[in-house]
PDB file of all heavy atoms in Angstrom:
ATOM      1  N   HIS A   1      16.975   1.792  53.667  1.00  0.00           N
ATOM      2  CA  HIS A   1      15.777   1.080  53.208  1.00  0.00           C
ATOM      3  C   HIS A   1      14.644   1.176  54.238  1.00  0.00           C
ATOM      4  O   HIS A   1      13.469   1.320  53.854  1.00  0.00           O
ATOM      5  CB  HIS A   1      16.117  -0.386  52.935  1.00  0.00           C
ATOM      6  CG  HIS A   1      16.834  -0.606  51.640  1.00  0.00           C
ATOM      7  ND1 HIS A   1      16.183  -0.718  50.429  1.00  0.00           N
ATOM      8  CD2 HIS A   1      18.158  -0.730  51.363  1.00  0.00           C
ATOM      9  CE1 HIS A   1      17.060  -0.914  49.455  1.00  0.00           C
ATOM     10  NE2 HIS A   1      18.268  -0.925  49.999  1.00  0.00           N
ATOM     11  N   LEU A   2      14.989   1.097  55.517  1.00  0.00           N
ATOM     12  CA  LEU A   2      13.945   1.197  56.538  1.00  0.00           C
ATOM     13  C   LEU A   2      13.333   2.596  56.539  1.00  0.00           C
ATOM     14  O   LEU A   2      12.114   2.744  56.665  1.00  0.00           O
ATOM     15  CB  LEU A   2      14.502   0.864  57.917  1.00  0.00           C
ATOM     16  CG  LEU A   2      13.501   0.956  59.059  1.00  0.00           C
ATOM     17  CD1 LEU A   2      12.349  -0.031  58.874  1.00  0.00           C
ATOM     18  CD2 LEU A   2      14.187   0.710  60.413  1.00  0.00           C
ATOM     19  N   ALA A   3      14.166   3.614  56.409  1.00  0.00           N
ATOM     20  CA  ALA A   3      13.640   4.983  56.359  1.00  0.00           C
ATOM     21  C   ALA A   3      12.655   5.135  55.209  1.00  0.00           C
ATOM     22  O   ALA A   3      11.570   5.728  55.374  1.00  0.00           O
ATOM     23  CB  ALA A   3      14.786   5.983  56.225  1.00  0.00           C
ATOM     24  N   ARG A   4      13.000   4.637  54.042  1.00  0.00           N
ATOM     25  CA  ARG A   4      12.076   4.723  52.899  1.00  0.00           C
ATOM     26  C   ARG A   4      10.763   4.007  53.177  1.00  0.00           C
ATOM     27  O   ARG A   4       9.691   4.497  52.818  1.00  0.00           O
ATOM     28  CB  ARG A   4      12.744   4.132  51.643  1.00  0.00           C
ATOM     29  CG  ARG A   4      13.869   4.960  51.091  1.00  0.00           C
ATOM     30  CD  ARG A   4      14.119   4.711  49.618  1.00  0.00           C
ATOM     31  NE  ARG A   4      14.366   3.313  49.307  1.00  0.00           N
ATOM     32  CZ  ARG A   4      14.686   2.875  48.095  1.00  0.00           C
ATOM     33  NH1 ARG A   4      14.783   3.723  47.074  1.00  0.00           N
ATOM     34  NH2 ARG A   4      14.915   1.604  47.882  1.00  0.00           N
ATOM     35  N   ARG A   5      10.861   2.854  53.819  1.00  0.00           N
ATOM     36  CA  ARG A   5       9.647   2.086  54.141  1.00  0.00           C
ATOM     37  C   ARG A   5       8.760   2.855  55.108  1.00  0.00           C
ATOM     38  O   ARG A   5       7.542   2.942  54.916  1.00  0.00           O
ATOM     39  CB  ARG A   5      10.057   0.743  54.747  1.00  0.00           C
ATOM     40  CG  ARG A   5       8.921  -0.116  55.285  1.00  0.00           C
ATOM     41  CD  ARG A   5       8.120  -0.764  54.161  1.00  0.00           C
ATOM     42  NE  ARG A   5       7.228  -1.777  54.679  1.00  0.00           N
ATOM     43  CZ  ARG A   5       6.027  -1.539  55.200  1.00  0.00           C
ATOM     44  NH1 ARG A   5       5.576  -0.290  55.283  1.00  0.00           N
ATOM     45  NH2 ARG A   5       5.274  -2.535  55.631  1.00  0.00           N
ATOM     46  N   LEU A   6       9.344   3.421  56.142  1.00  0.00           N
ATOM     47  CA  LEU A   6       8.558   4.148  57.133  1.00  0.00           C
ATOM     48  C   LEU A   6       7.966   5.427  56.552  1.00  0.00           C
ATOM     49  O   LEU A   6       6.801   5.765  56.812  1.00  0.00           O
ATOM     50  CB  LEU A   6       9.432   4.477  58.351  1.00  0.00           C
ATOM     51  CG  LEU A   6       9.975   3.275  59.129  1.00  0.00           C
ATOM     52  CD1 LEU A   6      10.889   3.738  60.256  1.00  0.00           C
ATOM     53  CD2 LEU A   6       8.843   2.402  59.670  1.00  0.00           C
ATOM     54  N   LEU A   7       8.744   6.127  55.756  1.00  0.00           N
ATOM     55  CA  LEU A   7       8.246   7.354  55.129  1.00  0.00           C
ATOM     56  C   LEU A   7       7.099   7.061  54.165  1.00  0.00           C
ATOM     57  O   LEU A   7       6.134   7.822  54.080  1.00  0.00           O
ATOM     58  CB  LEU A   7       9.381   8.069  54.396  1.00  0.00           C
ATOM     59  CG  LEU A   7      10.478   8.666  55.285  1.00  0.00           C
ATOM     60  CD1 LEU A   7      11.703   9.027  54.443  1.00  0.00           C
ATOM     61  CD2 LEU A   7       9.964   9.882  56.042  1.00  0.00           C
ATOM     62  N   SER A   8       7.184   5.937  53.474  1.00  0.00           N
ATOM     63  CA  SER A   8       6.156   5.598  52.486  1.00  0.00           C
ATOM     64  C   SER A   8       4.811   5.316  53.131  1.00  0.00           C
ATOM     65  O   SER A   8       3.766   5.446  52.494  1.00  0.00           O
ATOM     66  CB  SER A   8       6.590   4.381  51.657  1.00  0.00           C
ATOM     67  OG  SER A   8       6.563   3.188  52.433  1.00  0.00           O
ATOM     68  N   ARG A   9       4.827   4.947  54.404  1.00  0.00           N
ATOM     69  CA  ARG A   9       3.558   4.658  55.077  1.00  0.00           C
ATOM     70  C   ARG A   9       3.076   5.845  55.921  1.00  0.00           C
ATOM     71  O   ARG A   9       2.094   5.735  56.651  1.00  0.00           O
ATOM     72  CB  ARG A   9       3.684   3.399  55.932  1.00  0.00           C
ATOM     73  CG  ARG A   9       4.525   3.544  57.182  1.00  0.00           C
ATOM     74  CD  ARG A   9       4.602   2.241  57.957  1.00  0.00           C
ATOM     75  NE  ARG A   9       5.051   2.449  59.334  1.00  0.00           N
ATOM     76  CZ  ARG A   9       5.154   1.494  60.236  1.00  0.00           C
ATOM     77  NH1 ARG A   9       4.867   0.239  59.907  1.00  0.00           N
ATOM     78  NH2 ARG A   9       5.557   1.768  61.469  1.00  0.00           N
ATOM     79  N   GLY A  10       3.811   6.949  55.861  1.00  0.00           N
ATOM     80  CA  GLY A  10       3.342   8.165  56.508  1.00  0.00           C
ATOM     81  C   GLY A  10       4.004   8.520  57.818  1.00  0.00           C
ATOM     82  O   GLY A  10       3.648   9.526  58.439  1.00  0.00           O
ATOM     83  N   ASP A  11       4.972   7.718  58.266  1.00  0.00           N
ATOM     84  CA  ASP A  11       5.709   8.069  59.483  1.00  0.00           C
ATOM     85  C   ASP A  11       6.678   9.206  59.182  1.00  0.00           C
ATOM     86  O   ASP A  11       7.102   9.405  58.034  1.00  0.00           O
ATOM     87  CB  ASP A  11       6.506   6.874  60.000  1.00  0.00           C
ATOM     88  CG  ASP A  11       5.629   5.725  60.462  1.00  0.00           C
ATOM     89  OD1 ASP A  11       4.493   5.986  60.876  1.00  0.00           O
ATOM     90  OD2 ASP A  11       6.080   4.559  60.390  1.00  0.00           O
ATOM     91  N   SER A  12       7.046   9.965  60.204  1.00  0.00           N
ATOM     92  CA  SER A  12       8.142  10.927  60.079  1.00  0.00           C
ATOM     93  C   SER A  12       9.389  10.305  60.689  1.00  0.00           C
ATOM     94  O   SER A  12       9.312   9.556  61.671  1.00  0.00           O
ATOM     95  CB  SER A  12       7.801  12.246  60.764  1.00  0.00           C
ATOM     96  OG  SER A  12       7.559  12.051  62.142  1.00  0.00           O
ATOM     97  N   VAL A  13      10.529  10.601  60.074  1.00  0.00           N
ATOM     98  CA  VAL A  13      11.784   9.969  60.475  1.00  0.00           C
ATOM     99  C   VAL A  13      12.848  11.031  60.690  1.00  0.00           C
ATOM    100  O   VAL A  13      13.106  11.851  59.800  1.00  0.00           O
ATOM    101  CB  VAL A  13      12.276   8.968  59.412  1.00  0.00           C
ATOM    102  CG1 VAL A  13      13.640   8.386  59.794  1.00  0.00           C
ATOM    103  CG2 VAL A  13      11.260   7.845  59.204  1.00  0.00           C
ATOM    104  N   THR A  14      13.455  11.021  61.864  1.00  0.00           N
ATOM    105  CA  THR A  14      14.660  11.807  62.115  1.00  0.00           C
ATOM    106  C   THR A  14      15.837  10.851  62.028  1.00  0.00           C
ATOM    107  O   THR A  14      15.969   9.938  62.852  1.00  0.00           O
ATOM    108  CB  THR A  14      14.621  12.481  63.498  1.00  0.00           C
ATOM    109  OG1 THR A  14      13.542  13.419  63.535  1.00  0.00           O
ATOM    110  CG2 THR A  14      15.931  13.228  63.772  1.00  0.00           C
ATOM    111  N   GLY A  15      16.656  11.035  61.011  1.00  0.00           N
ATOM    112  CA  GLY A  15      17.784  10.149  60.779  1.00  0.00           C
ATOM    113  C   GLY A  15      19.057  10.697  61.381  1.00  0.00           C
ATOM    114  O   GLY A  15      19.326  11.900  61.305  1.00  0.00           O
ATOM    115  N   VAL A  16      19.841   9.821  61.978  1.00  0.00           N
ATOM    116  CA  VAL A  16      21.128  10.188  62.567  1.00  0.00           C
ATOM    117  C   VAL A  16      22.208   9.305  61.967  1.00  0.00           C
ATOM    118  O   VAL A  16      22.017   8.088  61.828  1.00  0.00           O
ATOM    119  CB  VAL A  16      21.112  10.005  64.097  1.00  0.00           C
ATOM    120  CG1 VAL A  16      22.499  10.254  64.697  1.00  0.00           C
ATOM    121  CG2 VAL A  16      20.083  10.927  64.741  1.00  0.00           C
ATOM    122  N   ASP A  17      23.324   9.905  61.599  1.00  0.00           N
ATOM    123  CA  ASP A  17      24.453   9.129  61.079  1.00  0.00           C
ATOM    124  C   ASP A  17      25.700   9.999  61.201  1.00  0.00           C
ATOM    125  O   ASP A  17      25.617  11.220  61.069  1.00  0.00           O
ATOM    126  CB  ASP A  17      24.230   8.739  59.622  1.00  0.00           C
ATOM    127  CG  ASP A  17      25.013   7.495  59.219  1.00  0.00           C
ATOM    128  OD1 ASP A  17      26.265   7.568  59.174  1.00  0.00           O
ATOM    129  OD2 ASP A  17      24.388   6.452  58.948  1.00  0.00           O
ATOM    130  N   ASN A  18      26.846   9.371  61.442  1.00  0.00           N
ATOM    131  CA  ASN A  18      28.090  10.151  61.502  1.00  0.00           C
ATOM    132  C   ASN A  18      28.861  10.136  60.192  1.00  0.00           C
ATOM    133  O   ASN A  18      29.905  10.784  60.068  1.00  0.00           O
ATOM    134  CB  ASN A  18      28.986   9.670  62.654  1.00  0.00           C
ATOM    135  CG  ASN A  18      29.520   8.256  62.451  1.00  0.00           C
ATOM    136  OD1 ASN A  18      29.178   7.574  61.485  1.00  0.00           O
ATOM    137  ND2 ASN A  18      30.357   7.810  63.378  1.00  0.00           N
ATOM    138  N   LEU A  19      28.368   9.375  59.202  1.00  0.00           N
ATOM    139  CA  LEU A  19      28.990   9.302  57.876  1.00  0.00           C
ATOM    140  C   LEU A  19      30.487   8.977  57.973  1.00  0.00           C
ATOM    141  O   LEU A  19      31.320   9.602  57.312  1.00  0.00           O
ATOM    142  CB  LEU A  19      28.776  10.616  57.106  1.00  0.00           C
ATOM    143  CG  LEU A  19      27.324  10.978  56.782  1.00  0.00           C
ATOM    144  CD1 LEU A  19      27.252  12.333  56.101  1.00  0.00           C
ATOM    145  CD2 LEU A  19      26.678   9.919  55.901  1.00  0.00           C
ATOM    146  N   ASN A  20      30.807   7.976  58.768  1.00  0.00           N
ATOM    147  CA  ASN A  20      32.224   7.634  58.903  1.00  0.00           C
ATOM    148  C   ASN A  20      32.744   6.977  57.631  1.00  0.00           C
ATOM    149  O   ASN A  20      31.992   6.619  56.729  1.00  0.00           O
ATOM    150  CB  ASN A  20      32.478   6.762  60.139  1.00  0.00           C
ATOM    151  CG  ASN A  20      31.873   5.368  60.027  1.00  0.00           C
ATOM    152  OD1 ASN A  20      31.726   4.823  58.940  1.00  0.00           O
ATOM    153  ND2 ASN A  20      31.514   4.779  61.154  1.00  0.00           N
ATOM    154  N   ALA A  21      34.051   6.816  57.574  1.00  0.00           N
ATOM    155  CA  ALA A  21      34.700   6.361  56.339  1.00  0.00           C
ATOM    156  C   ALA A  21      34.989   4.861  56.351  1.00  0.00           C
ATOM    157  O   ALA A  21      35.885   4.406  55.637  1.00  0.00           O
ATOM    158  CB  ALA A  21      36.004   7.141  56.130  1.00  0.00           C
ATOM    159  N   TYR A  22      34.223   4.084  57.114  1.00  0.00           N
ATOM    160  CA  TYR A  22      34.422   2.631  57.103  1.00  0.00           C
ATOM    161  C   TYR A  22      34.276   2.080  55.686  1.00  0.00           C
ATOM    162  O   TYR A  22      34.982   1.156  55.295  1.00  0.00           O
ATOM    163  CB  TYR A  22      33.420   1.977  58.050  1.00  0.00           C
ATOM    164  CG  TYR A  22      33.419   0.463  57.987  1.00  0.00           C
ATOM    165  CD1 TYR A  22      34.535  -0.269  58.365  1.00  0.00           C
ATOM    166  CD2 TYR A  22      32.295  -0.236  57.546  1.00  0.00           C
ATOM    167  CE1 TYR A  22      34.542  -1.647  58.303  1.00  0.00           C
ATOM    168  CE2 TYR A  22      32.291  -1.617  57.482  1.00  0.00           C
ATOM    169  CZ  TYR A  22      33.411  -2.316  57.860  1.00  0.00           C
ATOM    170  OH  TYR A  22      33.415  -3.686  57.792  1.00  0.00           O
ATOM    171  N   TYR A  23      33.334   2.640  54.928  1.00  0.00           N
ATOM    172  CA  TYR A  23      33.284   2.369  53.493  1.00  0.00           C
ATOM    173  C   TYR A  23      32.890   3.651  52.776  1.00  0.00           C
ATOM    174  O   TYR A  23      32.629   4.684  53.415  1.00  0.00           O
ATOM    175  CB  TYR A  23      32.365   1.189  53.145  1.00  0.00           C
ATOM    176  CG  TYR A  23      30.895   1.368  53.475  1.00  0.00           C
ATOM    177  CD1 TYR A  23      30.048   2.076  52.621  1.00  0.00           C
ATOM    178  CD2 TYR A  23      30.331   0.801  54.617  1.00  0.00           C
ATOM    179  CE1 TYR A  23      28.693   2.221  52.899  1.00  0.00           C
ATOM    180  CE2 TYR A  23      28.988   0.928  54.905  1.00  0.00           C
ATOM    181  CZ  TYR A  23      28.172   1.643  54.040  1.00  0.00           C
ATOM    182  OH  TYR A  23      26.835   1.790  54.310  1.00  0.00           O
ATOM    183  N   ASP A  24      32.840   3.615  51.469  1.00  0.00           N
ATOM    184  CA  ASP A  24      32.631   4.755  50.575  1.00  0.00           C
ATOM    185  C   ASP A  24      31.560   5.731  51.080  1.00  0.00           C
ATOM    186  O   ASP A  24      30.367   5.422  51.075  1.00  0.00           O
ATOM    187  CB  ASP A  24      32.253   4.225  49.198  1.00  0.00           C
ATOM    188  CG  ASP A  24      32.109   5.324  48.161  1.00  0.00           C
ATOM    189  OD1 ASP A  24      32.485   6.465  48.455  1.00  0.00           O
ATOM    190  OD2 ASP A  24      31.609   5.023  47.061  1.00  0.00           O
ATOM    191  N   VAL A  25      31.986   6.912  51.488  1.00  0.00           N
ATOM    192  CA  VAL A  25      31.058   7.909  52.017  1.00  0.00           C
ATOM    193  C   VAL A  25      30.122   8.419  50.928  1.00  0.00           C
ATOM    194  O   VAL A  25      28.973   8.776  51.211  1.00  0.00           O
ATOM    195  CB  VAL A  25      31.838   9.075  52.668  1.00  0.00           C
ATOM    196  CG1 VAL A  25      30.892  10.183  53.116  1.00  0.00           C
ATOM    197  CG2 VAL A  25      32.644   8.571  53.858  1.00  0.00           C
ATOM    198  N   THR A  26      30.573   8.436  49.672  1.00  0.00           N
ATOM    199  CA  THR A  26      29.702   8.940  48.611  1.00  0.00           C
ATOM    200  C   THR A  26      28.463   8.067  48.439  1.00  0.00           C
ATOM    201  O   THR A  26      27.402   8.561  48.049  1.00  0.00           O
ATOM    202  CB  THR A  26      30.448   9.039  47.267  1.00  0.00           C
ATOM    203  OG1 THR A  26      30.923   7.744  46.879  1.00  0.00           O
ATOM    204  CG2 THR A  26      31.631   9.991  47.377  1.00  0.00           C
ATOM    205  N   LEU A  27      28.579   6.770  48.733  1.00  0.00           N
ATOM    206  CA  LEU A  27      27.414   5.891  48.669  1.00  0.00           C
ATOM    207  C   LEU A  27      26.427   6.272  49.772  1.00  0.00           C
ATOM    208  O   LEU A  27      25.206   6.311  49.553  1.00  0.00           O
ATOM    209  CB  LEU A  27      27.845   4.432  48.807  1.00  0.00           C
ATOM    210  CG  LEU A  27      26.742   3.377  48.751  1.00  0.00           C
ATOM    211  CD1 LEU A  27      25.975   3.436  47.441  1.00  0.00           C
ATOM    212  CD2 LEU A  27      27.330   1.976  48.972  1.00  0.00           C
ATOM    213  N   LYS A  28      26.933   6.557  50.955  1.00  0.00           N
ATOM    214  CA  LYS A  28      26.068   6.994  52.053  1.00  0.00           C
ATOM    215  C   LYS A  28      25.387   8.316  51.710  1.00  0.00           C
ATOM    216  O   LYS A  28      24.192   8.515  51.981  1.00  0.00           O
ATOM    217  CB  LYS A  28      26.878   7.133  53.343  1.00  0.00           C
ATOM    218  CG  LYS A  28      27.547   5.844  53.804  1.00  0.00           C
ATOM    219  CD  LYS A  28      28.362   6.076  55.073  1.00  0.00           C
ATOM    220  CE  LYS A  28      29.079   4.801  55.499  1.00  0.00           C
ATOM    221  NZ  LYS A  28      29.857   4.978  56.748  1.00  0.00           N
ATOM    222  N   GLU A  29      26.141   9.218  51.121  1.00  0.00           N
ATOM    223  CA  GLU A  29      25.585  10.526  50.749  1.00  0.00           C
ATOM    224  C   GLU A  29      24.515  10.385  49.671  1.00  0.00           C
ATOM    225  O   GLU A  29      23.518  11.115  49.679  1.00  0.00           O
ATOM    226  CB  GLU A  29      26.704  11.454  50.286  1.00  0.00           C
ATOM    227  CG  GLU A  29      27.646  11.854  51.406  1.00  0.00           C
ATOM    228  CD  GLU A  29      28.873  12.613  50.910  1.00  0.00           C
ATOM    229  OE1 GLU A  29      29.217  12.469  49.713  1.00  0.00           O
ATOM    230  OE2 GLU A  29      29.491  13.331  51.723  1.00  0.00           O
ATOM    231  N   ALA A  30      24.706   9.436  48.760  1.00  0.00           N
ATOM    232  CA  ALA A  30      23.703   9.195  47.722  1.00  0.00           C
ATOM    233  C   ALA A  30      22.407   8.659  48.323  1.00  0.00           C
ATOM    234  O   ALA A  30      21.309   9.022  47.890  1.00  0.00           O
ATOM    235  CB  ALA A  30      24.248   8.224  46.675  1.00  0.00           C
ATOM    236  N   ARG A  31      22.534   7.791  49.310  1.00  0.00           N
ATOM    237  CA  ARG A  31      21.333   7.304  50.006  1.00  0.00           C
ATOM    238  C   ARG A  31      20.612   8.464  50.683  1.00  0.00           C
ATOM    239  O   ARG A  31      19.378   8.613  50.576  1.00  0.00           O
ATOM    240  CB  ARG A  31      21.717   6.255  51.049  1.00  0.00           C
ATOM    241  CG  ARG A  31      22.314   4.963  50.503  1.00  0.00           C
ATOM    242  CD  ARG A  31      22.764   4.097  51.668  1.00  0.00           C
ATOM    243  NE  ARG A  31      23.448   2.871  51.267  1.00  0.00           N
ATOM    244  CZ  ARG A  31      24.499   2.361  51.906  1.00  0.00           C
ATOM    245  NH1 ARG A  31      24.979   2.997  52.973  1.00  0.00           N
ATOM    246  NH2 ARG A  31      25.052   1.241  51.504  1.00  0.00           N
ATOM    247  N   LEU A  32      21.379   9.293  51.392  1.00  0.00           N
ATOM    248  CA  LEU A  32      20.782  10.425  52.092  1.00  0.00           C
ATOM    249  C   LEU A  32      20.111  11.403  51.136  1.00  0.00           C
ATOM    250  O   LEU A  32      19.071  11.990  51.466  1.00  0.00           O
ATOM    251  CB  LEU A  32      21.838  11.164  52.909  1.00  0.00           C
ATOM    252  CG  LEU A  32      22.241  10.543  54.242  1.00  0.00           C
ATOM    253  CD1 LEU A  32      23.334  11.382  54.909  1.00  0.00           C
ATOM    254  CD2 LEU A  32      21.040  10.423  55.176  1.00  0.00           C
ATOM    255  N   ALA A  33      20.690  11.585  49.970  1.00  0.00           N
ATOM    256  CA  ALA A  33      20.102  12.501  48.991  1.00  0.00           C
ATOM    257  C   ALA A  33      18.704  12.042  48.596  1.00  0.00           C
ATOM    258  O   ALA A  33      17.800  12.869  48.410  1.00  0.00           O
ATOM    259  CB  ALA A  33      21.002  12.613  47.757  1.00  0.00           C
ATOM    260  N   GLN A  34      18.518  10.745  48.457  1.00  0.00           N
ATOM    261  CA  GLN A  34      17.186  10.232  48.143  1.00  0.00           C
ATOM    262  C   GLN A  34      16.228  10.448  49.298  1.00  0.00           C
ATOM    263  O   GLN A  34      15.071  10.832  49.096  1.00  0.00           O
ATOM    264  CB  GLN A  34      17.272   8.746  47.800  1.00  0.00           C
ATOM    265  CG  GLN A  34      17.979   8.459  46.490  1.00  0.00           C
ATOM    266  CD  GLN A  34      17.460   7.194  45.822  1.00  0.00           C
ATOM    267  OE1 GLN A  34      16.550   6.529  46.300  1.00  0.00           O
ATOM    268  NE2 GLN A  34      18.038   6.862  44.688  1.00  0.00           N
ATOM    269  N   LEU A  35      16.693  10.227  50.511  1.00  0.00           N
ATOM    270  CA  LEU A  35      15.823  10.410  51.676  1.00  0.00           C
ATOM    271  C   LEU A  35      15.467  11.879  51.865  1.00  0.00           C
ATOM    272  O   LEU A  35      14.336  12.218  52.225  1.00  0.00           O
ATOM    273  CB  LEU A  35      16.506   9.869  52.933  1.00  0.00           C
ATOM    274  CG  LEU A  35      16.756   8.362  52.971  1.00  0.00           C
ATOM    275  CD1 LEU A  35      17.522   7.990  54.242  1.00  0.00           C
ATOM    276  CD2 LEU A  35      15.450   7.584  52.901  1.00  0.00           C
ATOM    277  N   ALA A  36      16.434  12.768  51.629  1.00  0.00           N
ATOM    278  CA  ALA A  36      16.208  14.193  51.840  1.00  0.00           C
ATOM    279  C   ALA A  36      15.127  14.744  50.920  1.00  0.00           C
ATOM    280  O   ALA A  36      14.489  15.760  51.235  1.00  0.00           O
ATOM    281  CB  ALA A  36      17.508  14.959  51.632  1.00  0.00           C
ATOM    282  N   ALA A  37      14.908  14.069  49.798  1.00  0.00           N
ATOM    283  CA  ALA A  37      13.892  14.522  48.845  1.00  0.00           C
ATOM    284  C   ALA A  37      12.494  14.045  49.212  1.00  0.00           C
ATOM    285  O   ALA A  37      11.530  14.341  48.507  1.00  0.00           O
ATOM    286  CB  ALA A  37      14.257  14.029  47.444  1.00  0.00           C
ATOM    287  N   THR A  38      12.395  13.308  50.326  1.00  0.00           N
ATOM    288  CA  THR A  38      11.109  12.741  50.734  1.00  0.00           C
ATOM    289  C   THR A  38      10.539  13.529  51.910  1.00  0.00           C
ATOM    290  O   THR A  38      11.219  13.723  52.919  1.00  0.00           O
ATOM    291  CB  THR A  38      11.290  11.269  51.170  1.00  0.00           C
ATOM    292  OG1 THR A  38      11.957  10.549  50.121  1.00  0.00           O
ATOM    293  CG2 THR A  38       9.939  10.624  51.440  1.00  0.00           C
ATOM    294  N   PRO A  39       9.294  14.009  51.796  1.00  0.00           N
ATOM    295  CA  PRO A  39       8.678  14.726  52.922  1.00  0.00           C
ATOM    296  C   PRO A  39       8.635  13.859  54.176  1.00  0.00           C
ATOM    297  O   PRO A  39       8.389  12.659  54.106  1.00  0.00           O
ATOM    298  CB  PRO A  39       7.259  15.031  52.409  1.00  0.00           C
ATOM    299  CG  PRO A  39       7.376  14.999  50.922  1.00  0.00           C
ATOM    300  CD  PRO A  39       8.404  13.964  50.616  1.00  0.00           C
ATOM    301  N   GLY A  40       8.901  14.479  55.319  1.00  0.00           N
ATOM    302  CA  GLY A  40       8.853  13.762  56.584  1.00  0.00           C
ATOM    303  C   GLY A  40      10.192  13.313  57.091  1.00  0.00           C
ATOM    304  O   GLY A  40      10.280  12.763  58.193  1.00  0.00           O
TER     305      GLY A  40
END
């Protein structure tokens, strides 16, 4: 959510995550898919 907020105001974001399996990785991947479609 923070990445989306920052991108929407024109900031560039380098996101880091290890995608560990503490909970459903597919949910994390779905979030990333939305972010990856956003310039910046």
